[in-house]
């Protein structure tokens, strides 16, 4: 039987690439604002709604939480609401989804959860304070749940660097910023949604069955 995979935020960027990669090999349930082809789609805004469970199977084999943001500002320009918004999207959004699906993940004998951090947690980067703070907290959640939910459920996260996706368009569309960013990466290119989706697909699969509590760097060597 095909595994039941829930993807929160599957309409753009990495989420969209992952949906395309898993079509045919998994039963996909997507929760996001924009309908996703070839999936059981439910319109959903993680900031204002609780995850609707109607129509989901009783057993969930994989969960991927994709929502994120790129709010790059100098520390002195960050307002309280900036910090709160990052926390609500990156941490509490994931927590609400994890809490809602935990009973169904427990019923699987191969459950895997994939979350997303950022290279900026490990590498100090200017203008990333609010993002790094919230994603750093999510890394803590990843490691804690990996210990708490073992051996039934594996929990890992991916920490990418700058990706050539719609989320980063404000940066990647600027030729100078793009060139500077490319030069900072040892592999001399920006990442793609497919690069990260491939890593997520691996973490969902039985090929990574002895991995949990890991923060997988998919960053073109930036974390070096």
N, C-alpha and C. Protein backbone atom coordinates (compact mmCIF):
# COMPACT_ATOMS: atom_id res chain seq x y z
N UNK A 1 0.83 -1.20 0.00
CA UNK A 1 0.00 0.00 0.00
C UNK A 1 0.87 1.25 0.00
N UNK A 2 0.36 2.29 -0.64
CA UNK A 2 1.08 3.55 -0.66
C UNK A 2 1.05 4.21 0.71
N UNK A 3 2.14 4.85 1.12
CA UNK A 3 2.12 5.56 2.39
C UNK A 3 1.25 6.80 2.31
N UNK A 4 0.64 7.17 3.42
CA UNK A 4 -0.15 8.40 3.51
C UNK A 4 0.75 9.53 3.99
N UNK A 5 0.93 10.54 3.14
CA UNK A 5 1.84 11.64 3.44
C UNK A 5 1.06 12.94 3.50
N UNK A 6 1.22 13.67 4.60
CA UNK A 6 0.61 14.99 4.76
C UNK A 6 1.69 16.04 4.51
N UNK A 7 1.41 16.99 3.62
CA UNK A 7 2.33 18.09 3.33
C UNK A 7 1.60 19.40 3.61
N UNK A 8 2.09 20.13 4.59
CA UNK A 8 1.52 21.44 4.91
C UNK A 8 2.34 22.49 4.16
N UNK A 9 1.68 23.21 3.26
CA UNK A 9 2.37 24.17 2.42
C UNK A 9 2.94 23.51 1.18
N UNK A 10 2.09 22.91 0.36
CA UNK A 10 2.58 22.16 -0.79
C UNK A 10 2.34 22.81 -2.13
N UNK A 11 2.03 24.11 -2.15
CA UNK A 11 1.64 24.73 -3.42
C UNK A 11 2.77 25.51 -4.09
N UNK A 12 3.85 25.79 -3.37
CA UNK A 12 4.95 26.56 -3.95
C UNK A 12 6.29 26.02 -3.48
N UNK A 13 7.34 26.37 -4.20
CA UNK A 13 8.70 26.10 -3.76
C UNK A 13 8.97 24.65 -3.44
N UNK A 14 9.58 24.41 -2.28
CA UNK A 14 9.97 23.06 -1.89
C UNK A 14 8.76 22.15 -1.76
N UNK A 15 7.67 22.64 -1.18
CA UNK A 15 6.48 21.83 -1.03
C UNK A 15 5.93 21.35 -2.37
N UNK A 16 5.89 22.26 -3.32
CA UNK A 16 5.42 21.89 -4.66
C UNK A 16 6.34 20.86 -5.31
N UNK A 17 7.65 21.07 -5.17
CA UNK A 17 8.61 20.12 -5.75
C UNK A 17 8.49 18.75 -5.10
N UNK A 18 8.22 18.72 -3.80
CA UNK A 18 8.07 17.45 -3.11
C UNK A 18 6.81 16.73 -3.56
N UNK A 19 5.73 17.47 -3.73
CA UNK A 19 4.49 16.86 -4.24
C UNK A 19 4.75 16.19 -5.58
N UNK A 20 5.41 16.89 -6.48
CA UNK A 20 5.70 16.33 -7.81
C UNK A 20 6.58 15.08 -7.71
N UNK A 21 7.49 15.09 -6.76
CA UNK A 21 8.40 13.96 -6.60
C UNK A 21 7.69 12.73 -6.05
N UNK A 22 6.66 12.95 -5.21
CA UNK A 22 6.00 11.83 -4.55
C UNK A 22 4.76 11.32 -5.27
N UNK A 23 4.29 12.07 -6.27
CA UNK A 23 3.10 11.65 -7.01
C UNK A 23 3.30 10.23 -7.57
N UNK A 24 2.35 9.39 -7.32
CA UNK A 24 2.41 8.02 -7.83
C UNK A 24 2.96 7.04 -6.81
N UNK A 25 3.80 7.52 -5.89
CA UNK A 25 4.39 6.61 -4.91
C UNK A 25 3.79 6.77 -3.52
N UNK A 26 2.96 7.80 -3.34
CA UNK A 26 2.35 8.04 -2.04
C UNK A 26 0.96 8.62 -2.22
N UNK A 27 0.12 8.43 -1.21
CA UNK A 27 -1.19 9.07 -1.16
C UNK A 27 -0.98 10.42 -0.47
N UNK A 28 -1.17 11.51 -1.21
CA UNK A 28 -0.79 12.83 -0.73
C UNK A 28 -1.99 13.63 -0.23
N UNK A 29 -1.80 14.27 0.93
CA UNK A 29 -2.81 15.14 1.53
C UNK A 29 -2.14 16.48 1.77
N UNK A 30 -2.57 17.50 1.02
CA UNK A 30 -1.93 18.81 1.11
C UNK A 30 -2.84 19.82 1.81
N UNK A 31 -2.21 20.66 2.62
CA UNK A 31 -2.92 21.70 3.36
C UNK A 31 -2.22 23.03 3.08
N UNK A 32 -2.85 23.88 2.30
CA UNK A 32 -2.28 25.18 1.96
C UNK A 32 -3.39 26.03 1.32
N UNK A 33 -3.06 27.26 0.99
CA UNK A 33 -4.07 28.17 0.48
C UNK A 33 -4.46 27.86 -0.97
N UNK A 34 -3.49 27.43 -1.77
CA UNK A 34 -3.71 27.20 -3.20
C UNK A 34 -3.90 25.72 -3.47
N UNK A 35 -4.92 25.33 -4.26
CA UNK A 35 -5.12 23.92 -4.57
C UNK A 35 -3.88 23.28 -5.21
N UNK A 36 -3.64 22.03 -4.85
CA UNK A 36 -2.48 21.29 -5.35
C UNK A 36 -2.96 20.11 -6.16
N UNK A 37 -2.49 20.04 -7.40
CA UNK A 37 -2.92 18.98 -8.32
C UNK A 37 -2.43 17.62 -7.82
N UNK A 38 -3.20 16.60 -8.09
CA UNK A 38 -2.85 15.20 -7.78
C UNK A 38 -2.71 14.94 -6.28
N UNK A 39 -3.47 15.68 -5.48
CA UNK A 39 -3.45 15.43 -4.04
C UNK A 39 -4.86 15.62 -3.48
N UNK A 40 -5.06 15.14 -2.27
CA UNK A 40 -6.29 15.43 -1.53
C UNK A 40 -6.04 16.78 -0.87
N UNK A 41 -6.59 17.83 -1.46
CA UNK A 41 -6.24 19.18 -1.01
C UNK A 41 -7.29 19.76 -0.08
N UNK A 42 -6.81 20.46 0.96
CA UNK A 42 -7.67 21.20 1.86
C UNK A 42 -7.13 22.61 2.00
N UNK A 43 -7.96 23.61 1.75
CA UNK A 43 -7.54 25.00 1.92
C UNK A 43 -7.25 25.25 3.40
N UNK A 44 -6.09 25.87 3.68
CA UNK A 44 -5.65 25.97 5.07
C UNK A 44 -4.67 27.12 5.24
N UNK A 45 -4.88 27.89 6.31
CA UNK A 45 -3.96 28.96 6.70
C UNK A 45 -3.48 28.65 8.11
N UNK A 46 -2.21 28.28 8.22
CA UNK A 46 -1.68 27.82 9.49
C UNK A 46 -1.69 28.91 10.57
N UNK A 47 -1.72 30.18 10.16
CA UNK A 47 -1.69 31.27 11.13
C UNK A 47 -3.05 31.54 11.76
N UNK A 48 -4.11 31.11 11.10
CA UNK A 48 -5.44 31.45 11.60
C UNK A 48 -6.33 30.25 11.87
N UNK A 49 -5.91 29.04 11.47
CA UNK A 49 -6.77 27.88 11.59
C UNK A 49 -6.07 26.72 12.30
N UNK A 50 -6.85 25.88 12.92
CA UNK A 50 -6.35 24.59 13.37
C UNK A 50 -6.45 23.61 12.20
N UNK A 51 -5.56 22.65 12.17
CA UNK A 51 -5.54 21.70 11.06
C UNK A 51 -6.83 20.90 11.01
N UNK A 52 -7.60 20.99 9.91
CA UNK A 52 -8.82 20.20 9.81
C UNK A 52 -8.49 18.73 9.54
N UNK A 53 -9.08 17.85 10.31
CA UNK A 53 -8.74 16.43 10.22
C UNK A 53 -9.75 15.62 9.39
N UNK A 54 -10.85 16.26 9.01
CA UNK A 54 -11.86 15.55 8.22
C UNK A 54 -11.26 15.08 6.90
N UNK A 55 -11.50 13.83 6.57
CA UNK A 55 -11.03 13.31 5.30
C UNK A 55 -9.65 12.70 5.35
N UNK A 56 -8.95 12.85 6.47
CA UNK A 56 -7.64 12.24 6.60
C UNK A 56 -7.77 10.78 7.02
N UNK A 57 -6.87 9.92 6.55
CA UNK A 57 -6.89 8.53 7.01
C UNK A 57 -6.49 8.45 8.48
N UNK A 58 -6.84 7.37 9.14
CA UNK A 58 -6.53 7.21 10.55
C UNK A 58 -5.04 6.99 10.80
N UNK A 59 -4.34 6.53 9.78
CA UNK A 59 -2.90 6.31 9.89
C UNK A 59 -2.15 7.25 8.95
N UNK A 60 -1.23 8.01 9.50
CA UNK A 60 -0.39 8.90 8.70
C UNK A 60 1.05 8.39 8.79
N UNK A 61 1.68 8.20 7.63
CA UNK A 61 3.04 7.66 7.58
C UNK A 61 4.11 8.73 7.46
N UNK A 62 3.72 9.90 7.00
CA UNK A 62 4.72 10.97 6.83
C UNK A 62 4.08 12.34 6.96
N UNK A 63 4.82 13.25 7.57
CA UNK A 63 4.36 14.64 7.72
C UNK A 63 5.51 15.57 7.37
N UNK A 64 5.22 16.54 6.50
CA UNK A 64 6.21 17.55 6.13
C UNK A 64 5.59 18.93 6.37
N UNK A 65 6.27 19.74 7.18
CA UNK A 65 5.79 21.09 7.47
C UNK A 65 6.70 22.08 6.74
N UNK A 66 6.17 22.70 5.68
CA UNK A 66 6.98 23.54 4.79
C UNK A 66 6.92 25.04 5.02
N UNK A 67 5.90 25.61 5.66
CA UNK A 67 5.82 27.07 5.74
C UNK A 67 7.07 27.72 6.33
N UNK A 68 7.42 28.87 5.77
CA UNK A 68 8.57 29.62 6.26
C UNK A 68 8.52 31.04 5.74
N UNK A 69 9.51 31.83 6.10
CA UNK A 69 9.54 33.23 5.69
C UNK A 69 10.98 33.69 5.54
N UNK A 70 11.14 34.79 4.84
CA UNK A 70 12.46 35.43 4.74
C UNK A 70 12.27 36.90 5.08
N UNK A 71 12.44 37.20 6.35
CA UNK A 71 12.25 38.56 6.85
C UNK A 71 13.61 39.08 7.30
N UNK A 72 14.40 39.57 6.36
CA UNK A 72 15.77 40.00 6.66
C UNK A 72 15.79 41.49 6.99
N UNK A 73 16.10 41.79 8.26
CA UNK A 73 16.15 43.18 8.70
C UNK A 73 17.25 43.35 9.74
N UNK A 74 17.84 44.53 9.82
CA UNK A 74 18.77 44.79 10.92
C UNK A 74 18.06 44.62 12.25
N UNK A 75 18.78 44.17 13.25
CA UNK A 75 18.19 43.88 14.56
C UNK A 75 17.43 45.08 15.11
N UNK A 76 18.00 46.28 14.95
CA UNK A 76 17.35 47.46 15.56
C UNK A 76 16.06 47.85 14.86
N UNK A 77 15.81 47.28 13.68
CA UNK A 77 14.58 47.59 12.97
C UNK A 77 13.49 46.53 13.17
N UNK A 78 13.81 45.46 13.87
CA UNK A 78 12.82 44.42 14.12
C UNK A 78 11.90 44.84 15.26
N UNK A 79 10.61 44.83 14.98
CA UNK A 79 9.62 45.18 15.99
C UNK A 79 9.13 43.91 16.70
N UNK A 80 8.44 44.11 17.80
CA UNK A 80 7.92 42.96 18.54
C UNK A 80 7.08 42.05 17.65
N UNK A 81 6.28 42.66 16.79
CA UNK A 81 5.41 41.83 15.95
C UNK A 81 6.20 41.00 14.93
N UNK A 82 7.39 41.48 14.53
CA UNK A 82 8.23 40.69 13.63
C UNK A 82 8.67 39.39 14.30
N UNK A 83 9.12 39.52 15.55
CA UNK A 83 9.53 38.34 16.30
C UNK A 83 8.34 37.41 16.53
N UNK A 84 7.21 37.99 16.88
CA UNK A 84 6.02 37.19 17.14
C UNK A 84 5.52 36.48 15.88
N UNK A 85 5.57 37.17 14.74
CA UNK A 85 5.12 36.57 13.49
C UNK A 85 6.00 35.38 13.10
N UNK A 86 7.32 35.54 13.24
CA UNK A 86 8.23 34.44 12.94
C UNK A 86 7.95 33.25 13.85
N UNK A 87 7.73 33.53 15.13
CA UNK A 87 7.47 32.46 16.09
C UNK A 87 6.17 31.74 15.76
N UNK A 88 5.13 32.49 15.43
CA UNK A 88 3.84 31.88 15.14
C UNK A 88 3.91 30.99 13.90
N UNK A 89 4.61 31.45 12.87
CA UNK A 89 4.67 30.68 11.62
C UNK A 89 5.60 29.48 11.74
N UNK A 90 6.80 29.71 12.23
CA UNK A 90 7.83 28.67 12.19
C UNK A 90 7.75 27.68 13.35
N UNK A 91 7.32 28.14 14.50
CA UNK A 91 7.29 27.26 15.67
C UNK A 91 5.87 26.81 16.01
N UNK A 92 5.00 27.77 16.34
CA UNK A 92 3.67 27.39 16.79
C UNK A 92 2.84 26.75 15.68
N UNK A 93 3.04 27.17 14.44
CA UNK A 93 2.36 26.52 13.34
C UNK A 93 2.72 25.04 13.26
N UNK A 94 4.02 24.77 13.35
CA UNK A 94 4.48 23.37 13.33
C UNK A 94 3.98 22.61 14.55
N UNK A 95 4.01 23.24 15.72
CA UNK A 95 3.56 22.59 16.95
C UNK A 95 2.08 22.21 16.84
N UNK A 96 1.26 23.11 16.32
CA UNK A 96 -0.18 22.82 16.19
C UNK A 96 -0.41 21.63 15.26
N UNK A 97 0.32 21.58 14.16
CA UNK A 97 0.17 20.49 13.20
C UNK A 97 0.66 19.17 13.79
N UNK A 98 1.81 19.22 14.45
CA UNK A 98 2.36 18.01 15.08
C UNK A 98 1.40 17.47 16.14
N UNK A 99 0.85 18.36 16.94
CA UNK A 99 -0.08 17.95 18.01
C UNK A 99 -1.33 17.31 17.41
N UNK A 100 -1.83 17.89 16.32
CA UNK A 100 -3.06 17.37 15.71
C UNK A 100 -2.86 15.99 15.09
N UNK A 101 -1.68 15.76 14.51
CA UNK A 101 -1.46 14.52 13.77
C UNK A 101 -0.74 13.44 14.57
N UNK A 102 -0.28 13.76 15.76
CA UNK A 102 0.46 12.78 16.55
C UNK A 102 -0.30 11.46 16.74
N UNK A 103 -1.59 11.48 17.08
CA UNK A 103 -2.29 10.20 17.26
C UNK A 103 -2.30 9.34 15.99
N UNK A 104 -2.33 9.98 14.83
CA UNK A 104 -2.36 9.22 13.57
C UNK A 104 -0.97 8.77 13.15
N UNK A 105 0.05 9.57 13.49
CA UNK A 105 1.42 9.15 13.23
C UNK A 105 1.78 7.93 14.08
N UNK A 106 1.27 7.88 15.31
CA UNK A 106 1.57 6.76 16.21
C UNK A 106 1.05 5.44 15.67
N UNK A 107 0.03 5.48 14.83
CA UNK A 107 -0.56 4.25 14.32
C UNK A 107 0.24 3.64 13.17
N UNK A 108 1.23 4.36 12.67
CA UNK A 108 2.06 3.86 11.58
C UNK A 108 3.27 3.11 12.14
N UNK A 109 3.75 2.14 11.39
CA UNK A 109 4.98 1.45 11.80
C UNK A 109 6.21 2.01 11.08
N UNK A 110 6.02 3.15 10.37
CA UNK A 110 7.14 3.74 9.63
C UNK A 110 7.02 5.26 9.56
N UNK A 111 6.45 5.87 10.57
CA UNK A 111 6.16 7.30 10.52
C UNK A 111 7.44 8.14 10.52
N UNK A 112 7.42 9.19 9.69
CA UNK A 112 8.56 10.10 9.59
C UNK A 112 8.05 11.52 9.48
N UNK A 113 8.64 12.41 10.28
CA UNK A 113 8.30 13.83 10.26
C UNK A 113 9.50 14.60 9.73
N UNK A 114 9.24 15.54 8.82
CA UNK A 114 10.29 16.39 8.26
C UNK A 114 9.92 17.85 8.48
N UNK A 115 10.80 18.58 9.17
CA UNK A 115 10.62 20.00 9.41
C UNK A 115 11.73 20.76 8.68
N UNK A 116 11.64 22.10 8.68
CA UNK A 116 12.63 22.90 7.96
C UNK A 116 13.21 23.98 8.85
N UNK A 117 14.54 23.99 8.92
CA UNK A 117 15.27 25.02 9.63
C UNK A 117 15.96 25.91 8.59
N UNK A 118 17.11 26.45 8.92
CA UNK A 118 17.89 27.27 8.00
C UNK A 118 19.36 27.21 8.40
N UNK A 119 20.23 27.38 7.43
CA UNK A 119 21.66 27.40 7.70
C UNK A 119 22.03 28.54 8.64
N UNK A 120 21.17 29.56 8.72
CA UNK A 120 21.45 30.73 9.57
C UNK A 120 21.41 30.40 11.06
N UNK A 121 20.88 29.24 11.45
CA UNK A 121 20.91 28.86 12.86
C UNK A 121 22.33 28.49 13.26
N UNK A 122 23.00 27.72 12.41
CA UNK A 122 24.37 27.30 12.72
C UNK A 122 25.38 28.38 12.38
N UNK A 123 25.18 29.06 11.27
CA UNK A 123 26.11 30.10 10.83
C UNK A 123 25.53 31.46 11.19
N UNK A 124 26.27 32.24 11.95
CA UNK A 124 25.80 33.59 12.24
C UNK A 124 25.74 34.43 10.97
N UNK A 125 24.58 34.97 10.67
CA UNK A 125 24.39 35.76 9.45
C UNK A 125 23.73 37.08 9.78
N UNK A 126 24.22 38.17 9.23
CA UNK A 126 23.58 39.47 9.48
C UNK A 126 22.13 39.48 9.04
N UNK A 127 21.30 40.19 9.77
CA UNK A 127 19.90 40.44 9.43
C UNK A 127 18.99 39.22 9.56
N UNK A 128 19.50 38.14 10.16
CA UNK A 128 18.72 36.90 10.29
C UNK A 128 18.26 36.63 11.72
N UNK A 129 18.32 37.61 12.61
CA UNK A 129 18.10 37.33 14.03
C UNK A 129 16.74 36.70 14.31
N UNK A 130 15.66 37.27 13.77
CA UNK A 130 14.33 36.75 14.09
C UNK A 130 14.09 35.38 13.46
N UNK A 131 14.61 35.18 12.24
CA UNK A 131 14.45 33.89 11.58
C UNK A 131 15.25 32.83 12.30
N UNK A 132 16.53 33.14 12.59
CA UNK A 132 17.40 32.17 13.25
C UNK A 132 16.86 31.80 14.63
N UNK A 133 16.27 32.77 15.32
CA UNK A 133 15.73 32.49 16.65
C UNK A 133 14.58 31.48 16.58
N UNK A 134 13.65 31.70 15.66
CA UNK A 134 12.50 30.80 15.58
C UNK A 134 12.89 29.43 15.00
N UNK A 135 13.74 29.43 14.00
CA UNK A 135 14.16 28.15 13.42
C UNK A 135 15.07 27.38 14.37
N UNK A 136 15.85 28.12 15.18
CA UNK A 136 16.64 27.45 16.20
C UNK A 136 15.75 26.75 17.20
N UNK A 137 14.64 27.39 17.56
CA UNK A 137 13.67 26.75 18.45
C UNK A 137 13.09 25.50 17.80
N UNK A 138 12.84 25.57 16.50
CA UNK A 138 12.29 24.41 15.79
C UNK A 138 13.29 23.26 15.76
N UNK A 139 14.59 23.57 15.69
CA UNK A 139 15.59 22.52 15.78
C UNK A 139 15.53 21.85 17.16
N UNK A 140 15.28 22.66 18.20
CA UNK A 140 15.11 22.08 19.53
C UNK A 140 13.91 21.16 19.60
N UNK A 141 12.82 21.56 18.96
CA UNK A 141 11.63 20.72 18.91
C UNK A 141 11.96 19.41 18.18
N UNK A 142 12.69 19.52 17.08
CA UNK A 142 13.07 18.34 16.29
C UNK A 142 13.81 17.33 17.15
N UNK A 143 14.84 17.77 17.84
CA UNK A 143 15.66 16.86 18.64
C UNK A 143 14.87 16.30 19.83
N UNK A 144 14.07 17.15 20.46
CA UNK A 144 13.29 16.70 21.61
C UNK A 144 12.27 15.64 21.22
N UNK A 145 11.54 15.89 20.13
CA UNK A 145 10.52 14.92 19.72
C UNK A 145 11.15 13.65 19.18
N UNK A 146 12.33 13.77 18.56
CA UNK A 146 13.01 12.56 18.09
C UNK A 146 13.29 11.62 19.25
N UNK A 147 13.67 12.21 20.39
CA UNK A 147 13.93 11.40 21.58
C UNK A 147 12.63 10.90 22.21
N UNK A 148 11.65 11.78 22.29
CA UNK A 148 10.40 11.45 22.97
C UNK A 148 9.53 10.48 22.19
N UNK A 149 9.52 10.62 20.86
CA UNK A 149 8.62 9.81 20.04
C UNK A 149 9.27 8.54 19.50
N UNK A 150 10.55 8.33 19.76
CA UNK A 150 11.19 7.10 19.33
C UNK A 150 10.66 5.93 20.17
N UNK A 151 10.58 4.72 19.60
CA UNK A 151 11.02 4.36 18.26
C UNK A 151 9.90 4.41 17.22
N UNK A 152 8.70 4.82 17.62
CA UNK A 152 7.58 4.75 16.68
C UNK A 152 7.68 5.79 15.56
N UNK A 153 8.16 6.99 15.88
CA UNK A 153 8.13 8.10 14.92
C UNK A 153 9.52 8.72 14.82
N UNK A 154 10.01 8.85 13.61
CA UNK A 154 11.28 9.54 13.37
C UNK A 154 11.01 11.02 13.10
N UNK A 155 11.88 11.89 13.62
CA UNK A 155 11.71 13.34 13.42
C UNK A 155 13.06 13.93 13.03
N UNK A 156 13.11 14.53 11.85
CA UNK A 156 14.33 15.17 11.35
C UNK A 156 13.99 16.53 10.75
N UNK A 157 15.01 17.32 10.53
CA UNK A 157 14.81 18.63 9.89
C UNK A 157 15.88 18.84 8.84
N UNK A 158 15.57 19.69 7.89
CA UNK A 158 16.49 20.08 6.82
C UNK A 158 16.83 21.55 7.00
N UNK A 159 18.11 21.87 6.91
CA UNK A 159 18.56 23.25 7.05
C UNK A 159 19.18 23.71 5.73
N UNK A 160 18.39 24.32 4.86
CA UNK A 160 18.92 24.79 3.58
C UNK A 160 19.54 26.18 3.69
N UNK A 161 20.29 26.53 2.68
CA UNK A 161 20.75 27.90 2.50
C UNK A 161 19.79 28.58 1.53
N UNK A 162 20.19 29.69 0.95
CA UNK A 162 19.32 30.43 0.04
C UNK A 162 18.94 29.58 -1.17
N UNK A 163 17.64 29.52 -1.44
CA UNK A 163 17.13 28.73 -2.55
C UNK A 163 16.54 29.64 -3.63
N UNK A 164 16.61 29.16 -4.84
CA UNK A 164 16.04 29.89 -5.97
C UNK A 164 14.57 29.52 -6.08
N UNK A 165 13.77 30.07 -5.17
CA UNK A 165 12.34 29.76 -5.10
C UNK A 165 11.55 31.07 -5.00
N UNK A 166 10.23 31.01 -5.19
CA UNK A 166 9.43 32.24 -5.09
C UNK A 166 9.57 32.95 -3.74
N UNK A 167 9.78 32.20 -2.66
CA UNK A 167 9.91 32.80 -1.35
C UNK A 167 11.11 33.75 -1.28
N UNK A 168 12.17 33.42 -2.02
CA UNK A 168 13.40 34.21 -1.99
C UNK A 168 13.52 35.15 -3.18
N UNK A 169 12.44 35.35 -3.91
CA UNK A 169 12.51 36.11 -5.17
C UNK A 169 13.04 37.53 -4.99
N UNK A 170 12.72 38.16 -3.84
CA UNK A 170 13.18 39.52 -3.63
C UNK A 170 14.70 39.59 -3.59
N UNK A 171 15.33 38.51 -3.17
CA UNK A 171 16.79 38.47 -3.12
C UNK A 171 17.38 37.95 -4.43
N UNK A 172 16.84 36.86 -4.92
CA UNK A 172 17.44 36.22 -6.10
C UNK A 172 17.20 37.00 -7.38
N UNK A 173 16.19 37.88 -7.40
CA UNK A 173 15.93 38.67 -8.61
C UNK A 173 16.88 39.86 -8.74
N UNK A 174 17.59 40.18 -7.66
CA UNK A 174 18.60 41.24 -7.69
C UNK A 174 19.92 40.64 -8.14
N UNK A 175 20.40 41.04 -9.31
CA UNK A 175 21.57 40.41 -9.91
C UNK A 175 22.80 40.48 -9.01
N UNK A 176 23.00 41.62 -8.36
CA UNK A 176 24.18 41.79 -7.51
C UNK A 176 24.11 40.89 -6.29
N UNK A 177 22.95 40.88 -5.61
CA UNK A 177 22.78 40.04 -4.43
C UNK A 177 22.90 38.57 -4.81
N UNK A 178 22.33 38.21 -5.94
CA UNK A 178 22.39 36.81 -6.40
C UNK A 178 23.83 36.39 -6.64
N UNK A 179 24.60 37.22 -7.32
CA UNK A 179 25.99 36.90 -7.62
C UNK A 179 26.81 36.77 -6.33
N UNK A 180 26.58 37.68 -5.39
CA UNK A 180 27.31 37.63 -4.12
C UNK A 180 26.97 36.36 -3.35
N UNK A 181 25.71 35.98 -3.37
CA UNK A 181 25.29 34.79 -2.66
C UNK A 181 25.88 33.54 -3.29
N UNK A 182 25.87 33.47 -4.61
CA UNK A 182 26.46 32.33 -5.31
C UNK A 182 27.92 32.16 -4.92
N UNK A 183 28.66 33.27 -4.86
CA UNK A 183 30.08 33.22 -4.55
C UNK A 183 30.34 32.77 -3.12
N UNK A 184 29.41 32.98 -2.21
CA UNK A 184 29.59 32.56 -0.82
C UNK A 184 29.45 31.05 -0.64
N UNK A 185 28.82 30.39 -1.59
CA UNK A 185 28.59 28.95 -1.48
C UNK A 185 29.75 28.19 -2.15
N UNK A 186 30.37 27.24 -1.45
CA UNK A 186 31.45 26.47 -2.06
C UNK A 186 31.07 25.80 -3.38
N UNK A 187 29.82 25.41 -3.52
CA UNK A 187 29.40 24.76 -4.77
C UNK A 187 29.01 25.76 -5.86
N UNK A 188 29.11 27.05 -5.55
CA UNK A 188 28.98 28.13 -6.54
C UNK A 188 27.66 28.13 -7.29
N UNK A 189 26.60 27.86 -6.60
CA UNK A 189 25.25 28.04 -7.15
C UNK A 189 24.27 28.12 -6.01
N UNK A 190 23.10 28.65 -6.32
CA UNK A 190 22.01 28.64 -5.35
C UNK A 190 21.35 27.26 -5.36
N UNK A 191 20.72 26.92 -4.25
CA UNK A 191 19.97 25.69 -4.21
C UNK A 191 18.66 25.81 -4.96
N UNK A 192 18.08 24.68 -5.29
CA UNK A 192 16.78 24.66 -5.96
C UNK A 192 15.77 23.94 -5.07
N UNK A 193 14.51 24.13 -5.38
CA UNK A 193 13.47 23.42 -4.65
C UNK A 193 13.65 21.91 -4.76
N UNK A 194 14.09 21.44 -5.93
CA UNK A 194 14.31 20.01 -6.12
C UNK A 194 15.43 19.48 -5.24
N UNK A 195 16.48 20.28 -5.03
CA UNK A 195 17.58 19.85 -4.15
C UNK A 195 17.04 19.49 -2.76
N UNK A 196 16.20 20.35 -2.24
CA UNK A 196 15.70 20.16 -0.87
C UNK A 196 14.58 19.13 -0.86
N UNK A 197 13.76 19.11 -1.90
CA UNK A 197 12.68 18.11 -1.97
C UNK A 197 13.26 16.70 -2.03
N UNK A 198 14.39 16.53 -2.68
CA UNK A 198 15.03 15.22 -2.75
C UNK A 198 15.45 14.76 -1.36
N UNK A 199 15.98 15.71 -0.57
CA UNK A 199 16.38 15.38 0.80
C UNK A 199 15.15 15.03 1.64
N UNK A 200 14.06 15.77 1.47
CA UNK A 200 12.84 15.49 2.22
C UNK A 200 12.27 14.12 1.85
N UNK A 201 12.30 13.81 0.57
CA UNK A 201 11.81 12.51 0.10
C UNK A 201 12.63 11.38 0.72
N UNK A 202 13.94 11.59 0.82
CA UNK A 202 14.82 10.60 1.44
C UNK A 202 14.47 10.41 2.92
N UNK A 203 14.24 11.50 3.63
CA UNK A 203 13.94 11.40 5.06
C UNK A 203 12.57 10.76 5.30
N UNK A 204 11.67 10.87 4.36
CA UNK A 204 10.37 10.23 4.48
C UNK A 204 10.44 8.73 4.21
N UNK A 205 11.44 8.31 3.48
CA UNK A 205 11.50 6.95 2.98
C UNK A 205 12.19 5.99 3.97
N UNK A 206 12.06 4.70 3.69
CA UNK A 206 12.71 3.68 4.52
C UNK A 206 14.23 3.70 4.35
N UNK A 207 14.74 4.38 3.33
CA UNK A 207 16.19 4.46 3.13
C UNK A 207 16.87 5.24 4.25
N UNK A 208 16.10 6.04 4.98
CA UNK A 208 16.65 6.81 6.11
C UNK A 208 16.14 6.26 7.44
N UNK A 209 15.80 4.98 7.47
CA UNK A 209 15.10 4.41 8.62
C UNK A 209 15.93 4.39 9.91
N UNK A 210 17.24 4.64 9.81
CA UNK A 210 18.06 4.68 11.03
C UNK A 210 18.52 6.10 11.33
N UNK A 211 17.75 7.07 10.88
CA UNK A 211 18.04 8.48 11.12
C UNK A 211 16.89 9.12 11.88
N UNK A 212 17.20 9.76 12.98
CA UNK A 212 16.23 10.59 13.67
C UNK A 212 16.97 11.62 14.51
N UNK A 213 16.31 12.76 14.74
CA UNK A 213 16.92 13.83 15.51
C UNK A 213 18.02 14.58 14.79
N UNK A 214 18.08 14.45 13.46
CA UNK A 214 19.16 15.06 12.69
C UNK A 214 18.72 16.36 12.04
N UNK A 215 19.66 17.29 11.92
CA UNK A 215 19.45 18.52 11.16
C UNK A 215 20.31 18.39 9.93
N UNK A 216 19.70 18.08 8.81
CA UNK A 216 20.43 17.74 7.59
C UNK A 216 20.72 19.04 6.81
N UNK A 217 22.00 19.35 6.65
CA UNK A 217 22.40 20.53 5.90
C UNK A 217 22.34 20.27 4.40
N UNK A 218 21.47 20.99 3.72
CA UNK A 218 21.39 20.94 2.25
C UNK A 218 21.61 22.38 1.81
N UNK A 219 22.88 22.79 1.72
CA UNK A 219 23.20 24.22 1.69
C UNK A 219 24.36 24.60 0.77
N UNK A 220 24.71 23.72 -0.16
CA UNK A 220 25.79 24.04 -1.09
C UNK A 220 27.14 24.23 -0.40
N UNK A 221 27.27 23.70 0.81
CA UNK A 221 28.52 23.82 1.54
C UNK A 221 28.62 25.04 2.42
N UNK A 222 27.56 25.85 2.51
CA UNK A 222 27.62 27.10 3.27
C UNK A 222 27.97 26.86 4.74
N UNK A 223 27.48 25.77 5.32
CA UNK A 223 27.72 25.53 6.75
C UNK A 223 29.17 25.14 7.03
N UNK A 224 29.96 24.93 6.00
CA UNK A 224 31.39 24.69 6.20
C UNK A 224 32.11 25.95 6.66
